[in-house]
N, C-alpha and C. Protein backbone atom coordinates (compact mmCIF):
# COMPACT_ATOMS: atom_id res chain seq x y z
N UNK A 1 -11.19 -1.38 -12.01
CA UNK A 1 -10.46 -0.88 -10.87
C UNK A 1 -11.13 -1.41 -9.60
N UNK A 2 -10.58 -2.33 -8.94
CA UNK A 2 -10.91 -2.75 -7.59
C UNK A 2 -12.35 -2.96 -7.22
N UNK A 3 -12.72 -2.44 -6.11
CA UNK A 3 -14.02 -2.65 -5.50
C UNK A 3 -15.10 -1.79 -6.13
N UNK A 4 -16.34 -2.22 -6.00
CA UNK A 4 -17.44 -1.42 -6.53
C UNK A 4 -17.97 -0.45 -5.48
N UNK A 5 -17.47 -0.52 -4.27
CA UNK A 5 -17.89 0.41 -3.23
C UNK A 5 -17.07 1.70 -3.29
N UNK A 6 -17.71 2.81 -3.07
CA UNK A 6 -16.99 4.08 -2.99
C UNK A 6 -16.23 4.13 -1.66
N UNK A 7 -15.33 5.11 -1.53
CA UNK A 7 -14.61 5.28 -0.27
C UNK A 7 -15.59 5.50 0.88
N UNK A 8 -16.59 6.33 0.65
CA UNK A 8 -17.59 6.60 1.70
C UNK A 8 -18.33 5.32 2.09
N UNK A 9 -18.73 4.53 1.09
CA UNK A 9 -19.43 3.27 1.38
C UNK A 9 -18.54 2.30 2.15
N UNK A 10 -17.26 2.24 1.80
CA UNK A 10 -16.32 1.38 2.53
C UNK A 10 -16.19 1.81 3.98
N UNK A 11 -16.02 3.10 4.19
CA UNK A 11 -15.86 3.62 5.55
C UNK A 11 -17.14 3.42 6.34
N UNK A 12 -18.29 3.68 5.73
CA UNK A 12 -19.57 3.48 6.42
C UNK A 12 -19.75 2.02 6.81
N UNK A 13 -19.47 1.12 5.88
CA UNK A 13 -19.60 -0.31 6.19
C UNK A 13 -18.65 -0.70 7.32
N UNK A 14 -17.44 -0.20 7.26
CA UNK A 14 -16.46 -0.51 8.29
C UNK A 14 -16.94 -0.06 9.66
N UNK A 15 -17.45 1.16 9.74
CA UNK A 15 -17.88 1.72 11.02
C UNK A 15 -19.16 1.05 11.54
N UNK A 16 -20.11 0.80 10.65
CA UNK A 16 -21.43 0.30 11.07
C UNK A 16 -21.51 -1.21 11.11
N UNK A 17 -20.67 -1.89 10.37
CA UNK A 17 -20.80 -3.32 10.23
C UNK A 17 -20.07 -4.15 11.27
N UNK A 18 -19.41 -3.48 12.20
CA UNK A 18 -18.68 -4.22 13.21
C UNK A 18 -17.46 -4.93 12.67
N UNK A 19 -16.93 -4.44 11.56
CA UNK A 19 -15.74 -5.04 10.97
C UNK A 19 -14.55 -4.78 11.88
N UNK A 20 -13.62 -5.73 11.91
CA UNK A 20 -12.44 -5.55 12.75
C UNK A 20 -11.33 -4.82 12.00
N UNK A 21 -11.19 -5.12 10.73
CA UNK A 21 -10.11 -4.51 9.98
C UNK A 21 -10.47 -4.28 8.52
N UNK A 22 -9.74 -3.38 7.91
CA UNK A 22 -9.92 -3.04 6.50
C UNK A 22 -8.58 -3.27 5.80
N UNK A 23 -8.61 -4.07 4.72
CA UNK A 23 -7.41 -4.39 3.96
C UNK A 23 -7.59 -3.92 2.52
N UNK A 24 -6.63 -3.15 2.04
CA UNK A 24 -6.60 -2.76 0.64
C UNK A 24 -5.31 -3.31 0.04
N UNK A 25 -5.47 -4.13 -1.00
CA UNK A 25 -4.33 -4.68 -1.73
C UNK A 25 -4.23 -3.95 -3.05
N UNK A 26 -3.09 -3.34 -3.28
CA UNK A 26 -2.88 -2.44 -4.41
C UNK A 26 -1.82 -3.03 -5.33
N UNK A 27 -2.17 -3.21 -6.60
CA UNK A 27 -1.25 -3.71 -7.61
C UNK A 27 -0.96 -2.60 -8.61
N UNK A 28 0.31 -2.26 -8.75
CA UNK A 28 0.73 -1.19 -9.66
C UNK A 28 1.60 -1.79 -10.76
N UNK A 29 1.34 -1.40 -12.00
CA UNK A 29 2.13 -1.85 -13.15
C UNK A 29 2.78 -0.65 -13.83
N UNK A 30 3.90 -0.94 -14.48
CA UNK A 30 4.63 0.09 -15.22
C UNK A 30 4.94 1.30 -14.34
N UNK A 31 5.56 1.01 -13.20
CA UNK A 31 6.00 2.07 -12.29
C UNK A 31 7.26 2.73 -12.82
N UNK A 32 7.56 3.91 -12.31
CA UNK A 32 8.81 4.59 -12.62
C UNK A 32 9.96 3.72 -12.09
N UNK A 33 10.79 3.20 -12.97
CA UNK A 33 11.86 2.27 -12.54
C UNK A 33 12.80 2.86 -11.49
N UNK A 34 13.10 4.14 -11.60
CA UNK A 34 14.00 4.77 -10.63
C UNK A 34 13.39 4.80 -9.24
N UNK A 35 12.09 5.03 -9.17
CA UNK A 35 11.43 5.13 -7.86
C UNK A 35 11.36 3.79 -7.15
N UNK A 36 11.02 2.72 -7.87
CA UNK A 36 10.88 1.43 -7.18
C UNK A 36 12.23 0.78 -6.90
N UNK A 37 13.30 1.35 -7.42
CA UNK A 37 14.64 0.83 -7.15
C UNK A 37 15.40 1.69 -6.14
N UNK A 38 14.70 2.61 -5.52
CA UNK A 38 15.33 3.54 -4.58
C UNK A 38 14.84 3.29 -3.15
N UNK A 39 15.77 2.88 -2.30
CA UNK A 39 15.43 2.67 -0.88
C UNK A 39 14.94 3.97 -0.26
N UNK A 40 15.54 5.08 -0.65
CA UNK A 40 15.17 6.38 -0.09
C UNK A 40 13.74 6.76 -0.48
N UNK A 41 13.38 6.55 -1.75
CA UNK A 41 12.02 6.87 -2.21
C UNK A 41 11.00 5.99 -1.50
N UNK A 42 11.28 4.70 -1.40
CA UNK A 42 10.34 3.77 -0.76
C UNK A 42 10.19 4.10 0.73
N UNK A 43 11.28 4.44 1.38
CA UNK A 43 11.22 4.83 2.79
C UNK A 43 10.37 6.08 2.97
N UNK A 44 10.59 7.08 2.14
CA UNK A 44 9.81 8.32 2.24
C UNK A 44 8.35 8.07 1.88
N UNK A 45 8.10 7.18 0.92
CA UNK A 45 6.73 6.80 0.55
C UNK A 45 5.98 6.28 1.77
N UNK A 46 6.62 5.43 2.54
CA UNK A 46 5.98 4.86 3.72
C UNK A 46 5.55 5.96 4.69
N UNK A 47 6.43 6.90 4.91
CA UNK A 47 6.14 8.02 5.81
C UNK A 47 5.00 8.87 5.23
N UNK A 48 5.10 9.19 3.95
CA UNK A 48 4.10 10.04 3.30
C UNK A 48 2.74 9.35 3.23
N UNK A 49 2.72 8.05 2.94
CA UNK A 49 1.45 7.33 2.89
C UNK A 49 0.77 7.33 4.25
N UNK A 50 1.53 7.05 5.29
CA UNK A 50 0.93 7.06 6.64
C UNK A 50 0.37 8.43 6.99
N UNK A 51 1.08 9.49 6.62
CA UNK A 51 0.54 10.84 6.82
C UNK A 51 -0.74 11.04 6.01
N UNK A 52 -0.73 10.58 4.76
CA UNK A 52 -1.86 10.75 3.85
C UNK A 52 -3.13 10.07 4.38
N UNK A 53 -2.98 8.90 4.98
CA UNK A 53 -4.16 8.16 5.46
C UNK A 53 -4.36 8.32 6.97
N UNK A 54 -3.60 9.23 7.56
CA UNK A 54 -3.73 9.57 8.98
C UNK A 54 -3.51 8.36 9.89
N UNK A 55 -2.42 7.65 9.63
CA UNK A 55 -2.05 6.51 10.47
C UNK A 55 -0.78 6.86 11.22
N UNK A 56 -0.76 6.50 12.50
CA UNK A 56 0.41 6.78 13.33
C UNK A 56 1.41 5.65 13.17
N UNK A 57 2.61 5.99 12.67
CA UNK A 57 3.65 4.99 12.49
C UNK A 57 4.19 4.55 13.84
N UNK A 58 4.55 3.29 13.92
CA UNK A 58 5.19 2.73 15.10
C UNK A 58 6.60 2.34 14.67
N UNK A 59 7.55 3.21 14.93
CA UNK A 59 8.93 2.98 14.51
C UNK A 59 9.15 3.40 13.07
N UNK A 60 10.36 3.16 12.62
CA UNK A 60 10.75 3.54 11.26
C UNK A 60 10.37 2.44 10.28
N UNK A 61 10.22 2.81 9.00
CA UNK A 61 9.97 1.78 7.99
C UNK A 61 11.18 0.86 7.84
N UNK A 62 10.90 -0.40 7.58
CA UNK A 62 11.95 -1.37 7.27
C UNK A 62 11.91 -1.57 5.76
N UNK A 63 13.01 -1.28 5.08
CA UNK A 63 13.09 -1.40 3.63
C UNK A 63 14.36 -2.19 3.31
N UNK A 64 14.17 -3.37 2.72
CA UNK A 64 15.28 -4.28 2.46
C UNK A 64 15.19 -4.79 1.02
N UNK A 65 16.32 -4.80 0.32
CA UNK A 65 16.37 -5.34 -1.04
C UNK A 65 16.92 -6.76 -0.99
N UNK A 66 16.21 -7.68 -1.64
CA UNK A 66 16.68 -9.06 -1.67
C UNK A 66 16.01 -9.81 -2.80
N UNK A 67 16.37 -11.07 -2.93
CA UNK A 67 15.79 -11.95 -3.94
C UNK A 67 16.85 -12.45 -4.89
N UNK A 68 17.18 -13.73 -4.81
CA UNK A 68 18.18 -14.29 -5.72
C UNK A 68 17.58 -14.58 -7.09
N UNK A 69 16.28 -14.71 -7.16
CA UNK A 69 15.58 -14.96 -8.42
C UNK A 69 15.20 -13.60 -9.03
N UNK A 70 15.71 -13.25 -10.21
CA UNK A 70 15.40 -11.95 -10.81
C UNK A 70 13.90 -11.69 -10.97
N UNK A 71 13.11 -12.74 -11.05
CA UNK A 71 11.67 -12.59 -11.21
C UNK A 71 11.02 -11.87 -10.01
N UNK A 72 11.63 -11.98 -8.84
CA UNK A 72 11.04 -11.38 -7.64
C UNK A 72 11.98 -10.38 -6.96
N UNK A 73 13.15 -10.18 -7.50
CA UNK A 73 14.15 -9.33 -6.87
C UNK A 73 13.67 -7.88 -6.76
N UNK A 74 13.93 -7.30 -5.59
CA UNK A 74 13.57 -5.91 -5.37
C UNK A 74 13.46 -5.60 -3.89
N UNK A 75 12.99 -4.41 -3.60
CA UNK A 75 12.82 -3.98 -2.22
C UNK A 75 11.50 -4.48 -1.66
N UNK A 76 11.52 -4.78 -0.37
CA UNK A 76 10.30 -5.04 0.39
C UNK A 76 10.21 -4.02 1.50
N UNK A 77 8.98 -3.67 1.86
CA UNK A 77 8.70 -2.64 2.86
C UNK A 77 7.81 -3.22 3.95
N UNK A 78 8.14 -2.90 5.18
CA UNK A 78 7.26 -3.18 6.31
C UNK A 78 7.23 -1.94 7.19
N UNK A 79 6.03 -1.45 7.43
CA UNK A 79 5.85 -0.29 8.30
C UNK A 79 4.76 -0.63 9.31
N UNK A 80 5.15 -0.81 10.55
CA UNK A 80 4.15 -1.01 11.59
C UNK A 80 3.42 0.31 11.81
N UNK A 81 2.12 0.20 12.00
CA UNK A 81 1.31 1.35 12.38
C UNK A 81 0.57 0.95 13.65
N UNK A 82 0.15 1.93 14.44
CA UNK A 82 -0.50 1.60 15.70
C UNK A 82 -1.74 0.75 15.51
N UNK A 83 -2.32 0.79 14.32
CA UNK A 83 -3.53 0.02 14.08
C UNK A 83 -3.29 -1.18 13.17
N UNK A 84 -2.06 -1.50 12.83
CA UNK A 84 -1.67 -2.73 12.14
C UNK A 84 -0.42 -2.55 11.29
N UNK A 85 -0.56 -2.60 9.91
CA UNK A 85 0.64 -2.72 9.09
C UNK A 85 0.44 -2.20 7.67
N UNK A 86 1.49 -1.58 7.14
CA UNK A 86 1.59 -1.26 5.71
C UNK A 86 2.77 -2.09 5.20
N UNK A 87 2.57 -2.79 4.09
CA UNK A 87 3.66 -3.60 3.54
C UNK A 87 3.68 -3.46 2.03
N UNK A 88 4.80 -3.84 1.45
CA UNK A 88 4.88 -3.77 -0.01
C UNK A 88 6.08 -4.52 -0.53
N UNK A 89 5.99 -4.88 -1.80
CA UNK A 89 7.14 -5.45 -2.51
C UNK A 89 7.21 -4.80 -3.88
N UNK A 90 8.42 -4.45 -4.28
CA UNK A 90 8.67 -3.70 -5.51
C UNK A 90 9.53 -4.56 -6.42
N UNK A 91 8.96 -5.04 -7.53
CA UNK A 91 9.61 -6.02 -8.40
C UNK A 91 10.34 -5.28 -9.53
N UNK A 92 11.65 -5.37 -9.51
CA UNK A 92 12.47 -4.63 -10.46
C UNK A 92 12.35 -5.14 -11.89
N UNK A 93 12.26 -6.46 -12.07
CA UNK A 93 12.25 -7.02 -13.41
C UNK A 93 11.05 -6.55 -14.24
N UNK A 94 9.92 -6.33 -13.57
CA UNK A 94 8.69 -5.96 -14.30
C UNK A 94 8.17 -4.57 -13.94
N UNK A 95 8.91 -3.83 -13.12
CA UNK A 95 8.50 -2.48 -12.71
C UNK A 95 7.09 -2.47 -12.10
N UNK A 96 6.86 -3.45 -11.22
CA UNK A 96 5.57 -3.57 -10.55
C UNK A 96 5.73 -3.36 -9.05
N UNK A 97 4.63 -2.99 -8.42
CA UNK A 97 4.61 -2.83 -6.97
C UNK A 97 3.33 -3.46 -6.43
N UNK A 98 3.47 -4.11 -5.29
CA UNK A 98 2.35 -4.75 -4.61
C UNK A 98 2.33 -4.21 -3.18
N UNK A 99 1.30 -3.44 -2.86
CA UNK A 99 1.24 -2.74 -1.57
C UNK A 99 -0.04 -3.16 -0.86
N UNK A 100 0.08 -3.45 0.44
CA UNK A 100 -1.07 -3.78 1.28
C UNK A 100 -1.15 -2.80 2.44
N UNK A 101 -2.36 -2.32 2.68
CA UNK A 101 -2.63 -1.47 3.83
C UNK A 101 -3.69 -2.17 4.65
N UNK A 102 -3.34 -2.55 5.88
CA UNK A 102 -4.27 -3.24 6.77
C UNK A 102 -4.36 -2.45 8.06
N UNK A 103 -5.60 -2.12 8.45
CA UNK A 103 -5.78 -1.31 9.65
C UNK A 103 -7.12 -1.60 10.30
N UNK A 104 -7.15 -1.48 11.61
CA UNK A 104 -8.43 -1.55 12.32
C UNK A 104 -8.99 -0.14 12.54
N UNK A 105 -8.38 0.84 11.87
CA UNK A 105 -8.90 2.22 11.81
C UNK A 105 -9.28 2.48 10.36
N UNK A 106 -10.39 3.15 10.14
CA UNK A 106 -10.87 3.38 8.77
C UNK A 106 -9.94 4.32 7.99
N UNK A 107 -9.96 4.13 6.69
CA UNK A 107 -9.27 5.00 5.73
C UNK A 107 -9.95 4.82 4.39
N UNK A 108 -9.66 5.68 3.43
CA UNK A 108 -10.31 5.66 2.12
C UNK A 108 -9.50 4.80 1.15
N UNK A 109 -9.98 3.60 0.80
CA UNK A 109 -9.21 2.69 -0.06
C UNK A 109 -8.87 3.25 -1.44
N UNK A 110 -9.84 3.85 -2.12
CA UNK A 110 -9.58 4.34 -3.47
C UNK A 110 -8.56 5.47 -3.45
N UNK A 111 -8.74 6.41 -2.54
CA UNK A 111 -7.78 7.52 -2.44
C UNK A 111 -6.39 7.02 -2.07
N UNK A 112 -6.34 5.98 -1.26
CA UNK A 112 -5.06 5.39 -0.88
C UNK A 112 -4.39 4.76 -2.10
N UNK A 113 -5.16 3.99 -2.87
CA UNK A 113 -4.62 3.35 -4.07
C UNK A 113 -4.15 4.39 -5.08
N UNK A 114 -4.93 5.43 -5.28
CA UNK A 114 -4.55 6.49 -6.22
C UNK A 114 -3.30 7.24 -5.76
N UNK A 115 -3.15 7.42 -4.45
CA UNK A 115 -1.95 8.04 -3.91
C UNK A 115 -0.72 7.21 -4.27
N UNK A 116 -0.83 5.88 -4.09
CA UNK A 116 0.27 4.98 -4.41
C UNK A 116 0.60 5.03 -5.90
N UNK A 117 -0.42 5.03 -6.73
CA UNK A 117 -0.22 5.08 -8.18
C UNK A 117 0.55 6.34 -8.57
N UNK A 118 0.12 7.46 -8.05
CA UNK A 118 0.77 8.73 -8.38
C UNK A 118 2.21 8.76 -7.85
N UNK A 119 2.40 8.26 -6.64
CA UNK A 119 3.71 8.31 -6.00
C UNK A 119 4.75 7.57 -6.83
N UNK A 120 4.37 6.41 -7.36
CA UNK A 120 5.31 5.60 -8.12
C UNK A 120 5.16 5.74 -9.63
N UNK A 121 4.35 6.69 -10.07
CA UNK A 121 4.21 6.95 -11.49
C UNK A 121 3.70 5.75 -12.27
N UNK A 122 2.85 4.94 -11.64
CA UNK A 122 2.35 3.72 -12.28
C UNK A 122 1.35 4.04 -13.38
N UNK A 123 1.45 3.31 -14.48
CA UNK A 123 0.54 3.50 -15.60
C UNK A 123 -0.76 2.72 -15.41
N UNK A 124 -0.73 1.70 -14.56
CA UNK A 124 -1.91 0.86 -14.36
C UNK A 124 -2.09 0.59 -12.87
N UNK A 125 -3.34 0.62 -12.43
CA UNK A 125 -3.69 0.42 -11.03
C UNK A 125 -4.86 -0.55 -10.93
N UNK A 126 -4.71 -1.52 -10.05
CA UNK A 126 -5.82 -2.38 -9.65
C UNK A 126 -5.75 -2.52 -8.14
N UNK A 127 -6.92 -2.53 -7.51
CA UNK A 127 -6.91 -2.72 -6.07
C UNK A 127 -8.16 -3.48 -5.64
N UNK A 128 -8.02 -4.16 -4.53
CA UNK A 128 -9.15 -4.89 -3.95
C UNK A 128 -9.26 -4.51 -2.48
N UNK A 129 -10.47 -4.61 -1.99
CA UNK A 129 -10.74 -4.27 -0.60
C UNK A 129 -11.36 -5.49 0.08
N UNK A 130 -10.88 -5.78 1.27
CA UNK A 130 -11.47 -6.86 2.07
C UNK A 130 -11.75 -6.33 3.46
N UNK A 131 -12.87 -6.75 4.00
CA UNK A 131 -13.22 -6.42 5.37
C UNK A 131 -12.89 -7.63 6.23
N UNK A 132 -12.11 -7.43 7.26
CA UNK A 132 -11.72 -8.51 8.16
C UNK A 132 -12.67 -8.54 9.35
N UNK A 133 -13.18 -9.71 9.65
CA UNK A 133 -14.16 -9.81 10.75
C UNK A 133 -13.62 -10.59 11.92
């Protein structure tokens, strides 16, 4: 599962290390098919995730379904936040989700990833953390 740093260690490094941004890339497998195919669920997820990680949304989430190739067809999400962006793509053919949270305000990467896993009923979770300088 993702990074070897705990949430506390990530936040401490972010605050003390002069990092500009924190990026968590979350890969979910075997999601609940109904949830990742629902514009309403994905829209509400964006709102709930921002509340969960204490990020102030800038405008409404943008959720659009597209893709002529079945391999990538599904909804994509873009949610501006005052400190950067939450984005995601939900692949219908494989019931997978790829979510990125990028912010110049600290948040807990592991708790964020676990929130996403639970929200979409994913059976498998992998996440990585990057510090942007």
